PDB file of all heavy atoms in Angstrom:
ATOM      1  N   GLY A   1      -6.061   2.576 -10.122  1.00  0.00           N
ATOM      2  CA  GLY A   1      -5.404   1.372  -9.718  1.00  0.00           C
ATOM      3  C   GLY A   1      -5.941   0.884  -8.495  1.00  0.00           C
ATOM      4  O   GLY A   1      -6.070   1.745  -7.513  1.00  0.00           O
ATOM      5  N   ILE A   2      -6.334  -0.360  -8.294  1.00  0.00           N
ATOM      6  CA  ILE A   2      -6.838  -0.889  -7.117  1.00  0.00           C
ATOM      7  C   ILE A   2      -5.969  -2.053  -6.687  1.00  0.00           C
ATOM      8  O   ILE A   2      -5.845  -3.027  -7.414  1.00  0.00           O
ATOM      9  CB  ILE A   2      -8.386  -1.286  -7.266  1.00  0.00           C
ATOM     10  CG1 ILE A   2      -9.216  -0.160  -7.614  1.00  0.00           C
ATOM     11  CG2 ILE A   2      -8.835  -2.049  -6.014  1.00  0.00           C
ATOM     12  CD1 ILE A   2     -10.685  -0.437  -7.770  1.00  0.00           C
ATOM     13  N   PRO A   3      -5.471  -2.045  -5.520  1.00  0.00           N
ATOM     14  CA  PRO A   3      -4.679  -3.263  -5.078  1.00  0.00           C
ATOM     15  C   PRO A   3      -5.538  -4.493  -4.639  1.00  0.00           C
ATOM     16  O   PRO A   3      -6.520  -4.220  -4.039  1.00  0.00           O
ATOM     17  CB  PRO A   3      -3.996  -2.686  -3.852  1.00  0.00           C
ATOM     18  CG  PRO A   3      -4.855  -1.585  -3.273  1.00  0.00           C
ATOM     19  CD  PRO A   3      -5.567  -1.038  -4.535  1.00  0.00           C
ATOM     20  N   ASN A   4      -5.139  -5.524  -5.095  1.00  0.00           N
ATOM     21  CA  ASN A   4      -5.878  -6.801  -4.718  1.00  0.00           C
ATOM     22  C   ASN A   4      -4.901  -7.692  -3.851  1.00  0.00           C
ATOM     23  O   ASN A   4      -4.655  -8.817  -4.218  1.00  0.00           O
ATOM     24  CB  ASN A   4      -6.288  -7.503  -5.977  1.00  0.00           C
ATOM     25  CG  ASN A   4      -7.185  -8.803  -5.545  1.00  0.00           C
ATOM     26  OD1 ASN A   4      -7.981  -8.698  -4.825  1.00  0.00           O
ATOM     27  ND2 ASN A   4      -6.999  -9.853  -6.359  1.00  0.00           N
ATOM     28  N   TYR A   5      -4.264  -7.078  -2.810  1.00  0.00           N
ATOM     29  CA  TYR A   5      -3.317  -7.668  -1.967  1.00  0.00           C
ATOM     30  C   TYR A   5      -3.114  -6.934  -0.727  1.00  0.00           C
ATOM     31  O   TYR A   5      -3.711  -5.897  -0.660  1.00  0.00           O
ATOM     32  CB  TYR A   5      -2.020  -7.822  -2.693  1.00  0.00           C
ATOM     33  CG  TYR A   5      -1.467  -6.394  -3.144  1.00  0.00           C
ATOM     34  CD1 TYR A   5      -0.512  -5.732  -2.211  1.00  0.00           C
ATOM     35  CD2 TYR A   5      -1.689  -5.780  -4.314  1.00  0.00           C
ATOM     36  CE1 TYR A   5      -0.094  -4.458  -2.625  1.00  0.00           C
ATOM     37  CE2 TYR A   5      -1.254  -4.627  -4.755  1.00  0.00           C
ATOM     38  CZ  TYR A   5      -0.354  -3.870  -3.789  1.00  0.00           C
ATOM     39  OH  TYR A   5       0.025  -2.716  -4.230  1.00  0.00           O
ATOM     40  N   GLY A   6      -2.402  -7.472   0.154  1.00  0.00           N
ATOM     41  CA  GLY A   6      -2.157  -6.830   1.530  1.00  0.00           C
ATOM     42  C   GLY A   6      -0.667  -7.127   1.882  1.00  0.00           C
ATOM     43  O   GLY A   6       0.097  -7.845   1.079  1.00  0.00           O
ATOM     44  N   TYR A   7      -0.308  -6.652   3.061  1.00  0.00           N
ATOM     45  CA  TYR A   7       1.070  -6.776   3.446  1.00  0.00           C
ATOM     46  C   TYR A   7       1.028  -7.281   4.940  1.00  0.00           C
ATOM     47  O   TYR A   7       0.219  -6.660   5.693  1.00  0.00           O
ATOM     48  CB  TYR A   7       1.921  -5.442   3.455  1.00  0.00           C
ATOM     49  CG  TYR A   7       2.289  -4.987   2.122  1.00  0.00           C
ATOM     50  CD1 TYR A   7       1.911  -3.785   1.578  1.00  0.00           C
ATOM     51  CD2 TYR A   7       3.010  -5.921   1.294  1.00  0.00           C
ATOM     52  CE1 TYR A   7       2.308  -3.432   0.280  1.00  0.00           C
ATOM     53  CE2 TYR A   7       3.396  -5.431  -0.088  1.00  0.00           C
ATOM     54  CZ  TYR A   7       2.891  -4.329  -0.451  1.00  0.00           C
ATOM     55  OH  TYR A   7       3.338  -3.808  -1.726  1.00  0.00           O
ATOM     56  N   ASP A   8       1.911  -8.205   5.189  1.00  0.00           N
ATOM     57  CA  ASP A   8       2.129  -8.733   6.558  1.00  0.00           C
ATOM     58  C   ASP A   8       3.438  -8.275   6.981  1.00  0.00           C
ATOM     59  O   ASP A   8       4.477  -8.774   6.484  1.00  0.00           O
ATOM     60  CB  ASP A   8       2.074 -10.331   6.550  1.00  0.00           C
ATOM     61  CG  ASP A   8       2.220 -10.872   7.867  1.00  0.00           C
ATOM     62  OD1 ASP A   8       2.766 -10.344   8.793  1.00  0.00           O
ATOM     63  OD2 ASP A   8       1.787 -12.123   7.961  1.00  0.00           O
ATOM     64  N   TRP A   9       3.547  -7.392   7.860  1.00  0.00           N
ATOM     65  CA  TRP A   9       4.767  -6.738   8.307  1.00  0.00           C
ATOM     66  C   TRP A   9       5.198  -7.265   9.624  1.00  0.00           C
ATOM     67  O   TRP A   9       4.410  -7.172  10.682  1.00  0.00           O
ATOM     68  CB  TRP A   9       4.566  -5.219   8.429  1.00  0.00           C
ATOM     69  CG  TRP A   9       4.461  -4.437   7.257  1.00  0.00           C
ATOM     70  CD1 TRP A   9       3.213  -4.080   6.658  1.00  0.00           C
ATOM     71  CD2 TRP A   9       5.494  -3.935   6.424  1.00  0.00           C
ATOM     72  NE1 TRP A   9       3.499  -3.336   5.546  1.00  0.00           N
ATOM     73  CE2 TRP A   9       4.889  -3.272   5.296  1.00  0.00           C
ATOM     74  CE3 TRP A   9       6.895  -4.026   6.502  1.00  0.00           C
ATOM     75  CZ2 TRP A   9       5.637  -2.697   4.387  1.00  0.00           C
ATOM     76  CZ3 TRP A   9       7.549  -3.395   5.464  1.00  0.00           C
ATOM     77  CH2 TRP A   9       6.921  -2.710   4.434  1.00  0.00           C
ATOM     78  N   PRO A  10       6.486  -7.844   9.740  1.00  0.00           N
ATOM     79  CA  PRO A  10       7.061  -8.125  11.007  1.00  0.00           C
ATOM     80  C   PRO A  10       7.448  -6.787  11.739  1.00  0.00           C
ATOM     81  O   PRO A  10       7.876  -5.812  11.106  1.00  0.00           O
ATOM     82  CB  PRO A  10       8.280  -9.026  10.644  1.00  0.00           C
ATOM     83  CG  PRO A  10       8.610  -8.610   9.395  1.00  0.00           C
ATOM     84  CD  PRO A  10       7.438  -8.164   8.693  1.00  0.00           C
ATOM     85  N   LEU A  11       7.189  -6.743  13.019  1.00  0.00           N
ATOM     86  CA  LEU A  11       7.512  -5.558  13.772  1.00  0.00           C
ATOM     87  C   LEU A  11       8.620  -5.753  14.769  1.00  0.00           C
ATOM     88  O   LEU A  11       8.841  -6.846  15.214  1.00  0.00           O
ATOM     89  CB  LEU A  11       6.245  -5.007  14.558  1.00  0.00           C
ATOM     90  CG  LEU A  11       5.058  -4.647  13.728  1.00  0.00           C
ATOM     91  CD1 LEU A  11       3.930  -4.311  14.500  1.00  0.00           C
ATOM     92  CD2 LEU A  11       5.383  -3.587  12.766  1.00  0.00           C
ATOM     93  N   PRO A  12       9.496  -4.788  15.073  1.00  0.00           N
ATOM     94  CA  PRO A  12       9.276  -3.379  14.670  1.00  0.00           C
ATOM     95  C   PRO A  12       9.830  -3.213  13.336  1.00  0.00           C
ATOM     96  O   PRO A  12      10.757  -3.871  12.813  1.00  0.00           O
ATOM     97  CB  PRO A  12      10.179  -2.720  15.728  1.00  0.00           C
ATOM     98  CG  PRO A  12      11.241  -3.651  16.121  1.00  0.00           C
ATOM     99  CD  PRO A  12      10.651  -4.976  15.997  1.00  0.00           C
ATOM    100  N   PHE A  13       9.200  -2.232  12.711  1.00  0.00           N
ATOM    101  CA  PHE A  13       9.673  -1.874  11.284  1.00  0.00           C
ATOM    102  C   PHE A  13      11.019  -1.130  11.328  1.00  0.00           C
ATOM    103  O   PHE A  13      11.267  -0.149  12.218  1.00  0.00           O
ATOM    104  CB  PHE A  13       8.614  -0.884  10.640  1.00  0.00           C
ATOM    105  CG  PHE A  13       9.193  -0.345   9.267  1.00  0.00           C
ATOM    106  CD1 PHE A  13       9.035  -1.177   8.231  1.00  0.00           C
ATOM    107  CD2 PHE A  13       9.566   0.911   9.207  1.00  0.00           C
ATOM    108  CE1 PHE A  13       9.601  -0.729   6.958  1.00  0.00           C
ATOM    109  CE2 PHE A  13      10.114   1.451   8.034  1.00  0.00           C
ATOM    110  CZ  PHE A  13      10.001   0.682   6.927  1.00  0.00           C
ATOM    111  N   GLU A  14      11.981  -1.507  10.528  1.00  0.00           N
ATOM    112  CA  GLU A  14      13.239  -0.899  10.386  1.00  0.00           C
ATOM    113  C   GLU A  14      13.468  -0.553   8.917  1.00  0.00           C
ATOM    114  O   GLU A  14      13.646  -1.494   8.147  1.00  0.00           O
ATOM    115  CB  GLU A  14      14.324  -1.720  11.004  1.00  0.00           C
ATOM    116  CG  GLU A  14      15.549  -1.012  11.179  1.00  0.00           C
ATOM    117  CD  GLU A  14      16.579  -1.876  11.946  1.00  0.00           C
ATOM    118  OE1 GLU A  14      16.292  -2.803  12.633  1.00  0.00           O
ATOM    119  OE2 GLU A  14      17.853  -1.681  11.690  1.00  0.00           O
ATOM    120  N   LYS A  15      13.515   0.725   8.569  1.00  0.00           N
ATOM    121  CA  LYS A  15      13.630   1.102   7.155  1.00  0.00           C
ATOM    122  C   LYS A  15      14.865   0.506   6.499  1.00  0.00           C
ATOM    123  O   LYS A  15      15.872   0.501   7.081  1.00  0.00           O
ATOM    124  CB  LYS A  15      13.715   2.681   7.009  1.00  0.00           C
ATOM    125  CG  LYS A  15      13.630   3.205   5.688  1.00  0.00           C
ATOM    126  CD  LYS A  15      13.611   4.729   5.640  1.00  0.00           C
ATOM    127  CE  LYS A  15      13.489   5.095   4.039  1.00  0.00           C
ATOM    128  NZ  LYS A  15      13.296   6.507   3.992  1.00  0.00           N
ATOM    129  N   GLY A  16      14.626  -0.126   5.377  1.00  0.00           N
ATOM    130  CA  GLY A  16      15.789  -0.723   4.625  1.00  0.00           C
ATOM    131  C   GLY A  16      15.966  -2.209   5.154  1.00  0.00           C
ATOM    132  O   GLY A  16      16.893  -2.910   4.474  1.00  0.00           O
ATOM    133  N   VAL A  17      15.448  -2.584   6.207  1.00  0.00           N
ATOM    134  CA  VAL A  17      15.789  -3.911   6.846  1.00  0.00           C
ATOM    135  C   VAL A  17      14.497  -4.833   6.804  1.00  0.00           C
ATOM    136  O   VAL A  17      14.390  -5.874   6.343  1.00  0.00           O
ATOM    137  CB  VAL A  17      16.291  -3.784   8.252  1.00  0.00           C
ATOM    138  CG1 VAL A  17      16.560  -5.193   8.970  1.00  0.00           C
ATOM    139  CG2 VAL A  17      17.658  -2.976   8.225  1.00  0.00           C
ATOM    140  N   THR A  18      13.448  -4.231   7.397  1.00  0.00           N
ATOM    141  CA  THR A  18      12.180  -5.041   7.527  1.00  0.00           C
ATOM    142  C   THR A  18      11.567  -5.185   6.133  1.00  0.00           C
ATOM    143  O   THR A  18      11.415  -4.273   5.373  1.00  0.00           O
ATOM    144  CB  THR A  18      11.156  -4.264   8.465  1.00  0.00           C
ATOM    145  OG1 THR A  18      11.818  -3.986   9.648  1.00  0.00           O
ATOM    146  CG2 THR A  18       9.928  -5.196   8.714  1.00  0.00           C
ATOM    147  N   LYS A  19      11.149  -6.422   5.874  1.00  0.00           N
ATOM    148  CA  LYS A  19      10.375  -6.739   4.665  1.00  0.00           C
ATOM    149  C   LYS A  19       9.033  -7.346   4.886  1.00  0.00           C
ATOM    150  O   LYS A  19       9.014  -8.274   5.662  1.00  0.00           O
ATOM    151  CB  LYS A  19      11.212  -7.648   3.721  1.00  0.00           C
ATOM    152  CG  LYS A  19      12.531  -7.003   3.341  1.00  0.00           C
ATOM    153  CD  LYS A  19      13.320  -7.804   2.308  1.00  0.00           C
ATOM    154  CE  LYS A  19      14.590  -7.071   2.079  1.00  0.00           C
ATOM    155  NZ  LYS A  19      15.336  -7.427   0.955  1.00  0.00           N
ATOM    156  N   ALA A  20       8.065  -6.858   4.235  1.00  0.00           N
ATOM    157  CA  ALA A  20       6.728  -7.400   4.312  1.00  0.00           C
ATOM    158  C   ALA A  20       6.502  -8.536   3.383  1.00  0.00           C
ATOM    159  O   ALA A  20       7.094  -8.614   2.368  1.00  0.00           O
ATOM    160  CB  ALA A  20       5.684  -6.339   4.069  1.00  0.00           C
ATOM    161  N   LYS A  21       5.556  -9.408   3.792  1.00  0.00           N
ATOM    162  CA  LYS A  21       5.152 -10.461   2.973  1.00  0.00           C
ATOM    163  C   LYS A  21       3.892 -10.079   2.317  1.00  0.00           C
ATOM    164  O   LYS A  21       2.946  -9.579   2.936  1.00  0.00           O
ATOM    165  CB  LYS A  21       4.930 -11.802   3.746  1.00  0.00           C
ATOM    166  CG  LYS A  21       4.352 -12.998   3.028  1.00  0.00           C
ATOM    167  CD  LYS A  21       4.099 -14.097   3.840  1.00  0.00           C
ATOM    168  CE  LYS A  21       3.487 -15.271   3.013  1.00  0.00           C
ATOM    169  NZ  LYS A  21       2.996 -16.319   3.937  1.00  0.00           N
ATOM    170  N   THR A  22       3.856 -10.283   1.033  1.00  0.00           N
ATOM    171  CA  THR A  22       2.658  -9.842   0.187  1.00  0.00           C
ATOM    172  C   THR A  22       1.667 -10.999   0.337  1.00  0.00           C
ATOM    173  O   THR A  22       1.950 -12.179   0.133  1.00  0.00           O
ATOM    174  CB  THR A  22       2.947  -9.658  -1.280  1.00  0.00           C
ATOM    175  OG1 THR A  22       3.954  -8.646  -1.296  1.00  0.00           O
ATOM    176  CG2 THR A  22       1.706  -9.223  -2.130  1.00  0.00           C
ATOM    177  N   ILE A  23       0.356 -10.680   0.681  1.00  0.00           N
ATOM    178  CA  ILE A  23      -0.668 -11.744   0.820  1.00  0.00           C
ATOM    179  C   ILE A  23      -1.968 -11.230   0.260  1.00  0.00           C
ATOM    180  O   ILE A  23      -2.181 -10.076   0.042  1.00  0.00           O
ATOM    181  CB  ILE A  23      -0.815 -11.995   2.406  1.00  0.00           C
ATOM    182  CG1 ILE A  23      -1.341 -10.731   3.179  1.00  0.00           C
ATOM    183  CG2 ILE A  23       0.259 -12.633   2.994  1.00  0.00           C
ATOM    184  CD1 ILE A  23      -1.720 -10.928   4.562  1.00  0.00           C
ATOM    185  N   GLY A  24      -2.884 -12.170  -0.050  1.00  0.00           N
ATOM    186  CA  GLY A  24      -4.235 -11.877  -0.532  1.00  0.00           C
ATOM    187  C   GLY A  24      -5.156 -11.769   0.589  1.00  0.00           C
ATOM    188  O   GLY A  24      -4.870 -11.993   1.789  1.00  0.00           O
ATOM    189  N   THR A  25      -6.391 -11.284   0.339  1.00  0.00           N
ATOM    190  CA  THR A  25      -7.412 -11.138   1.206  1.00  0.00           C
ATOM    191  C   THR A  25      -7.755 -12.397   1.932  1.00  0.00           C
ATOM    192  O   THR A  25      -7.999 -12.464   3.263  1.00  0.00           O
ATOM    193  CB  THR A  25      -8.660 -10.526   0.525  1.00  0.00           C
ATOM    194  OG1 THR A  25      -8.279  -9.382  -0.032  1.00  0.00           O
ATOM    195  CG2 THR A  25      -9.800 -10.411   1.593  1.00  0.00           C
ATOM    196  N   VAL A  26      -7.904 -13.464   1.200  1.00  0.00           N
ATOM    197  CA  VAL A  26      -8.251 -14.796   1.800  1.00  0.00           C
ATOM    198  C   VAL A  26      -7.128 -15.169   2.845  1.00  0.00           C
ATOM    199  O   VAL A  26      -7.473 -15.631   3.940  1.00  0.00           O
ATOM    200  CB  VAL A  26      -8.549 -15.802   0.662  1.00  0.00           C
ATOM    201  CG1 VAL A  26      -8.714 -17.163   1.333  1.00  0.00           C
ATOM    202  CG2 VAL A  26      -9.680 -15.437  -0.108  1.00  0.00           C
ATOM    203  N   GLU A  27      -5.981 -15.058   2.429  1.00  0.00           N
ATOM    204  CA  GLU A  27      -4.879 -15.468   3.209  1.00  0.00           C
ATOM    205  C   GLU A  27      -4.768 -14.666   4.543  1.00  0.00           C
ATOM    206  O   GLU A  27      -4.524 -15.076   5.665  1.00  0.00           O
ATOM    207  CB  GLU A  27      -3.473 -15.317   2.462  1.00  0.00           C
ATOM    208  CG  GLU A  27      -2.292 -15.829   3.234  1.00  0.00           C
ATOM    209  CD  GLU A  27      -1.029 -15.746   2.587  1.00  0.00           C
ATOM    210  OE1 GLU A  27      -0.909 -15.303   1.351  1.00  0.00           O
ATOM    211  OE2 GLU A  27       0.027 -16.185   3.178  1.00  0.00           O
ATOM    212  N   ALA A  28      -5.001 -13.305   4.421  1.00  0.00           N
ATOM    213  CA  ALA A  28      -5.098 -12.431   5.555  1.00  0.00           C
ATOM    214  C   ALA A  28      -6.136 -12.825   6.553  1.00  0.00           C
ATOM    215  O   ALA A  28      -5.944 -12.913   7.793  1.00  0.00           O
ATOM    216  CB  ALA A  28      -5.430 -10.935   5.072  1.00  0.00           C
ATOM    217  N   VAL A  29      -7.320 -13.157   6.005  1.00  0.00           N
ATOM    218  CA  VAL A  29      -8.404 -13.629   6.983  1.00  0.00           C
ATOM    219  C   VAL A  29      -7.963 -14.918   7.613  1.00  0.00           C
ATOM    220  O   VAL A  29      -8.255 -15.216   8.764  1.00  0.00           O
ATOM    221  CB  VAL A  29      -9.751 -13.710   6.138  1.00  0.00           C
ATOM    222  CG1 VAL A  29     -10.782 -14.373   6.959  1.00  0.00           C
ATOM    223  CG2 VAL A  29     -10.136 -12.301   5.702  1.00  0.00           C
ATOM    224  N   GLN A  30      -7.379 -15.925   6.901  1.00  0.00           N
ATOM    225  CA  GLN A  30      -6.962 -17.130   7.432  1.00  0.00           C
ATOM    226  C   GLN A  30      -5.932 -16.993   8.489  1.00  0.00           C
ATOM    227  O   GLN A  30      -5.988 -17.610   9.520  1.00  0.00           O
ATOM    228  CB  GLN A  30      -6.386 -18.049   6.218  1.00  0.00           C
ATOM    229  CG  GLN A  30      -7.527 -18.486   5.367  1.00  0.00           C
ATOM    230  CD  GLN A  30      -6.935 -19.252   4.156  1.00  0.00           C
ATOM    231  OE1 GLN A  30      -5.738 -19.013   3.729  1.00  0.00           O
ATOM    232  NE2 GLN A  30      -7.722 -19.945   3.444  1.00  0.00           N
ATOM    233  N   ILE A  31      -5.022 -15.991   8.336  1.00  0.00           N
ATOM    234  CA  ILE A  31      -4.024 -15.714   9.435  1.00  0.00           C
ATOM    235  C   ILE A  31      -4.784 -15.167  10.606  1.00  0.00           C
ATOM    236  O   ILE A  31      -4.374 -15.642  11.782  1.00  0.00           O
ATOM    237  CB  ILE A  31      -3.101 -14.627   8.939  1.00  0.00           C
ATOM    238  CG1 ILE A  31      -2.064 -15.312   7.831  1.00  0.00           C
ATOM    239  CG2 ILE A  31      -2.137 -14.205   9.913  1.00  0.00           C
ATOM    240  CD1 ILE A  31      -1.268 -14.312   7.026  1.00  0.00           C
ATOM    241  N   ALA A  32      -5.692 -14.203  10.478  1.00  0.00           N
ATOM    242  CA  ALA A  32      -6.453 -13.704  11.691  1.00  0.00           C
ATOM    243  C   ALA A  32      -7.171 -14.822  12.385  1.00  0.00           C
ATOM    244  O   ALA A  32      -7.076 -14.941  13.570  1.00  0.00           O
ATOM    245  CB  ALA A  32      -7.396 -12.601  11.121  1.00  0.00           C
ATOM    246  N   ILE A  33      -7.820 -15.619  11.649  1.00  0.00           N
ATOM    247  CA  ILE A  33      -8.518 -16.824  12.276  1.00  0.00           C
ATOM    248  C   ILE A  33      -7.629 -17.682  13.030  1.00  0.00           C
ATOM    249  O   ILE A  33      -7.847 -18.152  14.148  1.00  0.00           O
ATOM    250  CB  ILE A  33      -9.347 -17.619  11.215  1.00  0.00           C
ATOM    251  CG1 ILE A  33     -10.556 -16.693  10.711  1.00  0.00           C
ATOM    252  CG2 ILE A  33      -9.881 -18.878  11.745  1.00  0.00           C
ATOM    253  CD1 ILE A  33     -11.231 -17.180   9.418  1.00  0.00           C
ATOM    254  N   ALA A  34      -6.500 -18.065  12.287  1.00  0.00           N
ATOM    255  CA  ALA A  34      -5.566 -19.036  12.965  1.00  0.00           C
ATOM    256  C   ALA A  34      -4.921 -18.503  14.288  1.00  0.00           C
ATOM    257  O   ALA A  34      -4.609 -19.283  15.070  1.00  0.00           O
ATOM    258  CB  ALA A  34      -4.408 -19.351  11.840  1.00  0.00           C
ATOM    259  N   HIS A  35      -4.818 -17.197  14.368  1.00  0.00           N
ATOM    260  CA  HIS A  35      -4.236 -16.659  15.517  1.00  0.00           C
ATOM    261  C   HIS A  35      -5.267 -16.061  16.436  1.00  0.00           C
ATOM    262  O   HIS A  35      -4.944 -15.517  17.494  1.00  0.00           O
ATOM    263  CB  HIS A  35      -3.215 -15.487  15.136  1.00  0.00           C
ATOM    264  CG  HIS A  35      -2.025 -16.138  14.442  1.00  0.00           C
ATOM    265  ND1 HIS A  35      -1.858 -16.356  13.158  1.00  0.00           N
ATOM    266  CD2 HIS A  35      -0.844 -16.526  14.998  1.00  0.00           C
ATOM    267  CE1 HIS A  35      -0.741 -16.839  12.821  1.00  0.00           C
ATOM    268  NE2 HIS A  35      -0.088 -16.964  14.001  1.00  0.00           N
ATOM    269  N   GLY A  36      -6.536 -16.307  16.092  1.00  0.00           N
ATOM    270  CA  GLY A  36      -7.589 -15.879  17.056  1.00  0.00           C
ATOM    271  C   GLY A  36      -7.621 -14.331  17.324  1.00  0.00           C
ATOM    272  O   GLY A  36      -7.951 -13.918  18.391  1.00  0.00           O
ATOM    273  N   VAL A  37      -7.329 -13.570  16.262  1.00  0.00           N
ATOM    274  CA  VAL A  37      -7.335 -12.077  16.482  1.00  0.00           C
ATOM    275  C   VAL A  37      -8.417 -11.352  15.777  1.00  0.00           C
ATOM    276  O   VAL A  37      -8.864 -11.900  14.721  1.00  0.00           O
ATOM    277  CB  VAL A  37      -5.976 -11.460  16.135  1.00  0.00           C
ATOM    278  CG1 VAL A  37      -4.759 -12.037  16.910  1.00  0.00           C
ATOM    279  CG2 VAL A  37      -5.687 -11.715  14.586  1.00  0.00           C
ATOM    280  N   GLU A  38      -8.831 -10.268  16.266  1.00  0.00           N
ATOM    281  CA  GLU A  38      -9.887  -9.488  15.707  1.00  0.00           C
ATOM    282  C   GLU A  38      -9.464  -8.666  14.428  1.00  0.00           C
ATOM    283  O   GLU A  38      -8.320  -8.096  14.614  1.00  0.00           O
ATOM    284  CB  GLU A  38     -10.434  -8.592  16.744  1.00  0.00           C
ATOM    285  CG  GLU A  38     -11.649  -7.679  16.248  1.00  0.00           C
ATOM    286  CD  GLU A  38     -12.170  -6.736  17.254  1.00  0.00           C
ATOM    287  OE1 GLU A  38     -11.599  -6.620  18.429  1.00  0.00           O
ATOM    288  OE2 GLU A  38     -13.146  -6.056  17.037  1.00  0.00           O
ATOM    289  N   ILE A  39     -10.156  -8.660  13.505  1.00  0.00           N
ATOM    290  CA  ILE A  39      -9.907  -7.733  12.306  1.00  0.00           C
ATOM    291  C   ILE A  39     -10.442  -6.421  12.588  1.00  0.00           C
ATOM    292  O   ILE A  39     -11.649  -6.390  12.778  1.00  0.00           O
ATOM    293  CB  ILE A  39     -10.410  -8.376  10.994  1.00  0.00           C
ATOM    294  CG1 ILE A  39      -9.641  -9.725  10.659  1.00  0.00           C
ATOM    295  CG2 ILE A  39     -10.194  -7.401   9.852  1.00  0.00           C
ATOM    296  CD1 ILE A  39     -10.162 -10.421   9.440  1.00  0.00           C
ATOM    297  N   LEU A  40      -9.653  -5.381  12.601  1.00  0.00           N
ATOM    298  CA  LEU A  40     -10.039  -4.097  12.853  1.00  0.00           C
ATOM    299  C   LEU A  40     -10.293  -3.330  11.595  1.00  0.00           C
ATOM    300  O   LEU A  40      -9.923  -3.855  10.493  1.00  0.00           O
ATOM    301  CB  LEU A  40      -9.125  -3.415  13.677  1.00  0.00           C
ATOM    302  CG  LEU A  40      -8.728  -4.064  14.991  1.00  0.00           C
ATOM    303  CD1 LEU A  40      -7.514  -3.485  15.707  1.00  0.00           C
ATOM    304  CD2 LEU A  40      -9.932  -4.097  16.003  1.00  0.00           C
ATOM    305  N   TYR A  41     -10.853  -2.093  11.558  1.00  0.00           N
ATOM    306  CA  TYR A  41     -11.091  -1.366  10.444  1.00  0.00           C
ATOM    307  C   TYR A  41     -10.804   0.093  10.619  1.00  0.00           C
ATOM    308  O   TYR A  41     -11.274   0.761  11.579  1.00  0.00           O
ATOM    309  CB  TYR A  41     -12.591  -1.431   9.902  1.00  0.00           C
ATOM    310  CG  TYR A  41     -12.739  -0.989   8.463  1.00  0.00           C
ATOM    311  CD1 TYR A  41     -12.392  -1.751   7.398  1.00  0.00           C
ATOM    312  CD2 TYR A  41     -13.300   0.291   8.273  1.00  0.00           C
ATOM    313  CE1 TYR A  41     -12.507  -1.300   6.072  1.00  0.00           C
ATOM    314  CE2 TYR A  41     -13.389   0.721   6.980  1.00  0.00           C
ATOM    315  CZ  TYR A  41     -13.069  -0.082   5.871  1.00  0.00           C
ATOM    316  OH  TYR A  41     -13.234   0.374   4.623  1.00  0.00           O
ATOM    317  N   ASP A  42      -9.845   0.651   9.987  1.00  0.00           N
ATOM    318  CA  ASP A  42      -9.396   2.091  10.011  1.00  0.00           C
ATOM    319  C   ASP A  42     -10.297   2.967   9.257  1.00  0.00           C
ATOM    320  O   ASP A  42     -10.313   2.800   7.963  1.00  0.00           O
ATOM    321  CB  ASP A  42      -8.018   2.182   9.560  1.00  0.00           C
ATOM    322  CG  ASP A  42      -7.459   3.530   9.830  1.00  0.00           C
ATOM    323  OD1 ASP A  42      -7.940   4.575   9.173  1.00  0.00           O
ATOM    324  OD2 ASP A  42      -6.384   3.716  10.543  1.00  0.00           O
ATOM    325  N   GLU A  43     -11.115   3.783   9.754  1.00  0.00           N
ATOM    326  CA  GLU A  43     -12.108   4.505   9.128  1.00  0.00           C
ATOM    327  C   GLU A  43     -11.528   5.610   8.269  1.00  0.00           C
ATOM    328  O   GLU A  43     -11.996   6.039   7.227  1.00  0.00           O
ATOM    329  CB  GLU A  43     -13.068   5.232  10.124  1.00  0.00           C
ATOM    330  CG  GLU A  43     -14.073   4.190  10.809  1.00  0.00           C
ATOM    331  CD  GLU A  43     -15.054   3.465   9.860  1.00  0.00           C
ATOM    332  OE1 GLU A  43     -15.400   4.021   8.806  1.00  0.00           O
ATOM    333  OE2 GLU A  43     -15.504   2.443  10.296  1.00  0.00           O
ATOM    334  N   THR A  44     -10.307   6.153   8.695  1.00  0.00           N
ATOM    335  CA  THR A  44      -9.609   7.223   7.858  1.00  0.00           C
ATOM    336  C   THR A  44      -9.037   6.636   6.690  1.00  0.00           C
ATOM    337  O   THR A  44      -9.253   7.075   5.482  1.00  0.00           O
ATOM    338  CB  THR A  44      -8.527   7.816   8.718  1.00  0.00           C
ATOM    339  OG1 THR A  44      -9.080   8.412   9.868  1.00  0.00           O
ATOM    340  CG2 THR A  44      -7.926   8.954   7.880  1.00  0.00           C
ATOM    341  N   ALA A  45      -8.318   5.493   6.700  1.00  0.00           N
ATOM    342  CA  ALA A  45      -7.678   4.743   5.562  1.00  0.00           C
ATOM    343  C   ALA A  45      -8.873   4.044   4.827  1.00  0.00           C
ATOM    344  O   ALA A  45      -8.532   3.681   3.646  1.00  0.00           O
ATOM    345  CB  ALA A  45      -6.604   3.960   6.100  1.00  0.00           C
TER     346      ALA A  45
END
């Protein structure tokens, strides 16, 4: 199974309280661009 989605988590995370928004790749990139932030890459994950 391959996920074709991502999650936008508000912080801080609180188990049972915090809910993520499900987003797609294009939307994730658009959010990063809109906020002028760098997309990083986790080599382990």
